[in-house]
């Protein structure tokens, strides 16, 4: 139960602050409208820092099925715990996305662009191409999980700042690799909010991009497992 609740809380904070910064930038009549990609990338980096800090004690702060599967592959957690982690991650992501919708309720109504509304919740490619988009998500998630595996047991603790390096990695991935697909690098972070986009009564929201939705799931899972395999080879 501690794992489940911690993953809910941490992932909810991750998505609240991460999807929240996207809403601030892309929705009409916000204070941060059109402030740009660097603001989004920085906001997601902070979101990851906060989410990891919140969940670290209770669950180890995976917040991402790709991380959970990599840890299970390396026998750092039991396979029987995987469904508990992933259920918490998806539920937390859905809660966080709902809180973003509530926070920006009036701004969704003031925005006509359906793609911008969808972009608050989940990812879509700048140039749609299945092979290229899948490769981008695999590479980005490989970078994330590979770094996380080295950070999971630091030689010297930074106390509350132990969560900071993961946030910086996500910031770097966003700035360096986020252009093609928006760097989902986390199945729960994309699919959970995408489900809420479909369910919530958002005016003129358009479709939820289901034809693309498998790429931010399969790509991160493959990238995370590849990172675990390479990490294991290097030990």
Protein backbone atom coordinates (compact mmCIF):
# COMPACT_ATOMS: atom_id res chain seq x y z
CA UNK A 1 0.00 0.00 0.00
CA UNK A 2 2.90 2.36 0.72
CA UNK A 3 4.26 1.78 -2.79
CA UNK A 4 0.84 2.27 -4.38
CA UNK A 5 0.01 5.48 -2.52
CA UNK A 6 3.48 6.95 -2.98
CA UNK A 7 3.40 6.32 -6.72
CA UNK A 8 -0.04 7.93 -6.92
CA UNK A 9 1.12 11.02 -5.01
CA UNK A 10 4.44 11.38 -6.81
CA UNK A 11 3.02 10.85 -10.30
CA UNK A 12 0.10 13.17 -9.59
CA UNK A 13 2.52 15.95 -8.64
CA UNK A 14 4.68 15.17 -11.68
CA UNK A 15 1.74 15.49 -14.08
CA UNK A 16 0.13 18.42 -12.26
CA UNK A 17 3.26 20.55 -12.60
CA UNK A 18 4.37 19.11 -15.96
CA UNK A 19 1.08 19.29 -17.83
CA UNK A 20 0.41 22.50 -15.92
CA UNK A 21 3.37 24.28 -17.46
CA UNK A 22 2.24 23.17 -20.92
CA UNK A 23 -1.22 24.59 -20.23
CA UNK A 24 0.32 27.87 -19.09
CA UNK A 25 2.28 28.17 -22.35
CA UNK A 26 -0.19 26.96 -24.98
CA UNK A 27 -3.65 27.96 -23.76
CA UNK A 28 -5.08 31.41 -24.50
CA UNK A 29 -5.16 34.28 -22.01
CA UNK A 30 -2.80 32.73 -19.48
CA UNK A 31 -0.02 34.71 -17.82
CA UNK A 32 2.56 32.45 -19.49
CA UNK A 33 1.04 32.25 -22.98
CA UNK A 34 3.62 31.72 -25.74
CA UNK A 35 6.56 31.75 -23.32
CA UNK A 36 8.19 28.92 -25.24
CA UNK A 37 9.83 25.53 -25.21
CA UNK A 38 12.49 26.37 -22.62
CA UNK A 39 9.78 27.21 -20.11
CA UNK A 40 8.07 23.88 -20.81
CA UNK A 41 11.31 21.90 -20.50
CA UNK A 42 12.26 23.68 -17.28
CA UNK A 43 8.77 23.16 -15.85
CA UNK A 44 8.93 19.43 -16.56
CA UNK A 45 12.36 19.23 -14.93
CA UNK A 46 10.97 20.82 -11.78
CA UNK A 47 7.91 18.57 -11.98
CA UNK A 48 10.10 15.48 -11.97
CA UNK A 49 12.16 16.81 -9.05
CA UNK A 50 9.01 17.40 -6.98
CA UNK A 51 7.44 14.07 -7.92
CA UNK A 52 10.58 12.13 -7.06
CA UNK A 53 11.00 13.98 -3.78
CA UNK A 54 7.40 13.23 -2.78
CA UNK A 55 7.53 9.51 -3.59
CA UNK A 56 11.15 8.63 -2.82
CA UNK A 57 10.67 7.40 0.74
CA UNK A 58 7.56 5.30 0.13
CA UNK A 59 8.30 3.64 -3.21
CA UNK A 60 11.68 4.73 -4.50
CA UNK A 61 9.86 7.15 -6.83
CA UNK A 62 9.70 5.26 -10.11
CA UNK A 63 6.76 7.37 -11.40
CA UNK A 64 7.22 5.70 -14.79
CA UNK A 65 6.43 2.14 -15.97
CA UNK A 66 9.64 2.16 -18.04
CA UNK A 67 11.66 2.69 -14.86
CA UNK A 68 9.66 0.05 -12.98
CA UNK A 69 10.16 -2.55 -15.71
CA UNK A 70 13.89 -1.79 -15.88
CA UNK A 71 14.21 -2.23 -12.10
CA UNK A 72 12.30 -5.52 -12.26
CA UNK A 73 14.49 -6.75 -15.14
CA UNK A 74 17.55 -6.08 -13.00
CA UNK A 75 15.94 -7.76 -9.95
CA UNK A 76 15.96 -4.51 -7.99
CA UNK A 77 12.27 -5.07 -7.24
CA UNK A 78 10.08 -8.18 -7.35
CA UNK A 79 8.05 -8.78 -10.52
CA UNK A 80 5.00 -9.19 -8.30
CA UNK A 81 5.34 -5.50 -7.34
CA UNK A 82 5.25 -4.27 -10.94
CA UNK A 83 1.41 -4.11 -11.24
CA UNK A 84 1.24 -2.16 -7.97
CA UNK A 85 3.75 0.40 -9.21
CA UNK A 86 2.14 0.79 -12.61
CA UNK A 87 -1.41 1.03 -11.25
CA UNK A 88 -0.29 3.82 -8.92
CA UNK A 89 1.49 5.62 -11.74
CA UNK A 90 -1.51 5.56 -14.07
CA UNK A 91 -3.97 6.60 -11.37
CA UNK A 92 -1.65 9.40 -10.23
CA UNK A 93 -1.25 10.63 -13.81
CA UNK A 94 -5.01 10.73 -14.28
CA UNK A 95 -5.47 12.65 -11.03
CA UNK A 96 -2.75 15.14 -11.96
CA UNK A 97 -4.26 15.72 -15.41
CA UNK A 98 -7.69 16.32 -13.90
CA UNK A 99 -6.24 18.92 -11.52
CA UNK A 100 -4.63 20.71 -14.46
CA UNK A 101 -7.99 20.82 -16.23
CA UNK A 102 -9.60 22.29 -13.12
CA UNK A 103 -6.81 24.84 -12.71
CA UNK A 104 -7.11 26.03 -16.33
CA UNK A 105 -10.83 25.44 -16.75
CA UNK A 106 -11.61 28.90 -18.13
CA UNK A 107 -8.58 28.88 -20.42
CA UNK A 108 -9.63 25.64 -22.12
CA UNK A 109 -12.87 27.42 -22.93
CA UNK A 110 -10.99 30.46 -24.25
CA UNK A 111 -8.80 28.35 -26.57
CA UNK A 112 -10.07 27.31 -30.01
CA UNK A 113 -7.05 25.21 -31.02
CA UNK A 114 -7.93 21.56 -30.39
CA UNK A 115 -4.31 20.45 -30.91
CA UNK A 116 -3.15 22.84 -28.18
CA UNK A 117 -5.74 21.43 -25.79
CA UNK A 118 -4.61 17.88 -26.54
CA UNK A 119 -0.98 18.96 -26.11
CA UNK A 120 -1.66 19.94 -22.52
CA UNK A 121 -2.50 16.31 -21.74
CA UNK A 122 -0.30 14.19 -23.97
CA UNK A 123 2.20 14.06 -26.80
CA UNK A 124 2.00 14.24 -30.57
CA UNK A 125 4.80 14.31 -33.16
CA UNK A 126 6.04 17.44 -34.88
CA UNK A 127 6.49 15.37 -38.07
CA UNK A 128 4.38 12.20 -38.00
CA UNK A 129 6.46 9.17 -38.94
CA UNK A 130 5.98 5.91 -37.09
CA UNK A 131 9.58 4.67 -37.34
CA UNK A 132 11.19 8.01 -36.53
CA UNK A 133 8.78 8.84 -33.72
CA UNK A 134 9.22 5.41 -32.14
CA UNK A 135 13.00 5.70 -32.39
CA UNK A 136 12.93 9.11 -30.69
CA UNK A 137 10.92 7.77 -27.75
CA UNK A 138 13.21 4.73 -27.44
CA UNK A 139 16.34 6.89 -27.44
CA UNK A 140 14.95 9.48 -25.03
CA UNK A 141 13.76 6.86 -22.56
CA UNK A 142 17.02 4.95 -22.85
CA UNK A 143 18.83 8.13 -21.81
CA UNK A 144 16.46 8.67 -18.88
CA UNK A 145 16.49 5.13 -17.49
CA UNK A 146 20.21 4.61 -18.08
CA UNK A 147 20.93 7.76 -16.07
CA UNK A 148 18.40 6.85 -13.36
CA UNK A 149 20.01 3.44 -12.86
CA UNK A 150 23.32 5.12 -12.06
CA UNK A 151 21.63 7.64 -9.79
CA UNK A 152 19.50 5.13 -7.88
CA UNK A 153 22.13 4.51 -5.21
CA UNK A 154 24.39 7.59 -5.03
CA UNK A 155 27.74 7.20 -3.31
CA UNK A 156 27.10 10.33 -1.28
CA UNK A 157 23.61 11.50 -0.32
CA UNK A 158 22.52 15.08 -1.04
CA UNK A 159 19.57 14.75 1.32
CA UNK A 160 16.51 16.46 -0.11
CA UNK A 161 18.49 17.23 -3.27
CA UNK A 162 18.91 13.55 -4.17
CA UNK A 163 15.87 14.05 -6.42
CA UNK A 164 17.49 16.94 -8.29
CA UNK A 165 19.73 14.98 -10.69
CA UNK A 166 16.74 13.13 -12.17
CA UNK A 167 14.96 16.43 -12.77
CA UNK A 168 18.06 17.77 -14.49
CA UNK A 169 18.23 14.70 -16.73
CA UNK A 170 14.61 15.25 -17.79
CA UNK A 171 15.36 18.93 -18.41
CA UNK A 172 18.29 17.93 -20.59
CA UNK A 173 16.25 15.36 -22.52
CA UNK A 174 13.54 17.96 -23.13
CA UNK A 175 16.00 20.54 -24.44
CA UNK A 176 18.05 18.07 -26.49
CA UNK A 177 15.64 15.35 -27.66
CA UNK A 178 12.17 16.77 -27.09
CA UNK A 179 11.67 18.42 -30.47
CA UNK A 180 10.44 15.48 -32.58
CA UNK A 181 7.76 14.00 -30.28
CA UNK A 182 7.52 16.16 -27.15
CA UNK A 183 9.45 13.51 -25.16
CA UNK A 184 6.80 11.42 -23.44
CA UNK A 185 9.51 9.01 -22.12
CA UNK A 186 6.85 7.65 -19.75
CA UNK A 187 3.80 5.56 -20.72
CA UNK A 188 1.78 6.62 -17.66
CA UNK A 189 2.55 10.30 -18.15
CA UNK A 190 1.13 10.14 -21.70
CA UNK A 191 -1.64 7.54 -21.53
CA UNK A 192 -3.13 8.58 -18.17
CA UNK A 193 -3.72 12.21 -19.19
CA UNK A 194 -4.78 11.10 -22.70
CA UNK A 195 -7.55 9.03 -21.12
CA UNK A 196 -8.64 12.08 -19.11
CA UNK A 197 -8.64 14.22 -22.26
CA UNK A 198 -11.11 11.73 -23.72
CA UNK A 199 -13.28 11.66 -20.58
CA UNK A 200 -13.34 15.27 -19.41
CA UNK A 201 -15.95 17.73 -20.75
CA UNK A 202 -13.45 19.98 -22.54
CA UNK A 203 -15.20 22.23 -25.10
CA UNK A 204 -14.30 21.64 -28.76
CA UNK A 205 -11.45 19.34 -27.78
CA UNK A 206 -11.30 17.21 -30.92
CA UNK A 207 -10.07 13.61 -30.83
CA UNK A 208 -7.58 12.22 -28.34
CA UNK A 209 -4.98 11.06 -30.86
CA UNK A 210 -5.46 7.35 -30.29
CA UNK A 211 -3.75 6.37 -33.56
CA UNK A 212 -0.48 7.74 -32.15
CA UNK A 213 -1.03 6.72 -28.53
CA UNK A 214 0.79 3.38 -28.71
CA UNK A 215 4.13 5.03 -29.57
CA UNK A 216 4.56 6.82 -26.18
CA UNK A 217 3.85 3.45 -24.56
CA UNK A 218 5.89 1.00 -26.63
CA UNK A 219 8.85 3.34 -27.23
CA UNK A 220 9.52 4.05 -23.54
CA UNK A 221 9.08 0.39 -22.56
CA UNK A 222 11.61 -0.70 -25.20
CA UNK A 223 13.99 2.13 -24.34
CA UNK A 224 13.83 1.37 -20.63
CA UNK A 225 14.50 -2.34 -21.08
CA UNK A 226 17.40 -1.62 -23.44
CA UNK A 227 18.86 0.70 -20.82
CA UNK A 228 18.58 -2.05 -18.20
CA UNK A 229 20.30 -4.56 -20.50
CA UNK A 230 23.19 -2.20 -21.30
CA UNK A 231 23.52 -1.17 -17.66
CA UNK A 232 23.71 -4.83 -16.65
CA UNK A 233 26.38 -5.50 -19.25
CA UNK A 234 28.53 -2.67 -17.91
CA UNK A 235 28.45 -3.83 -14.28
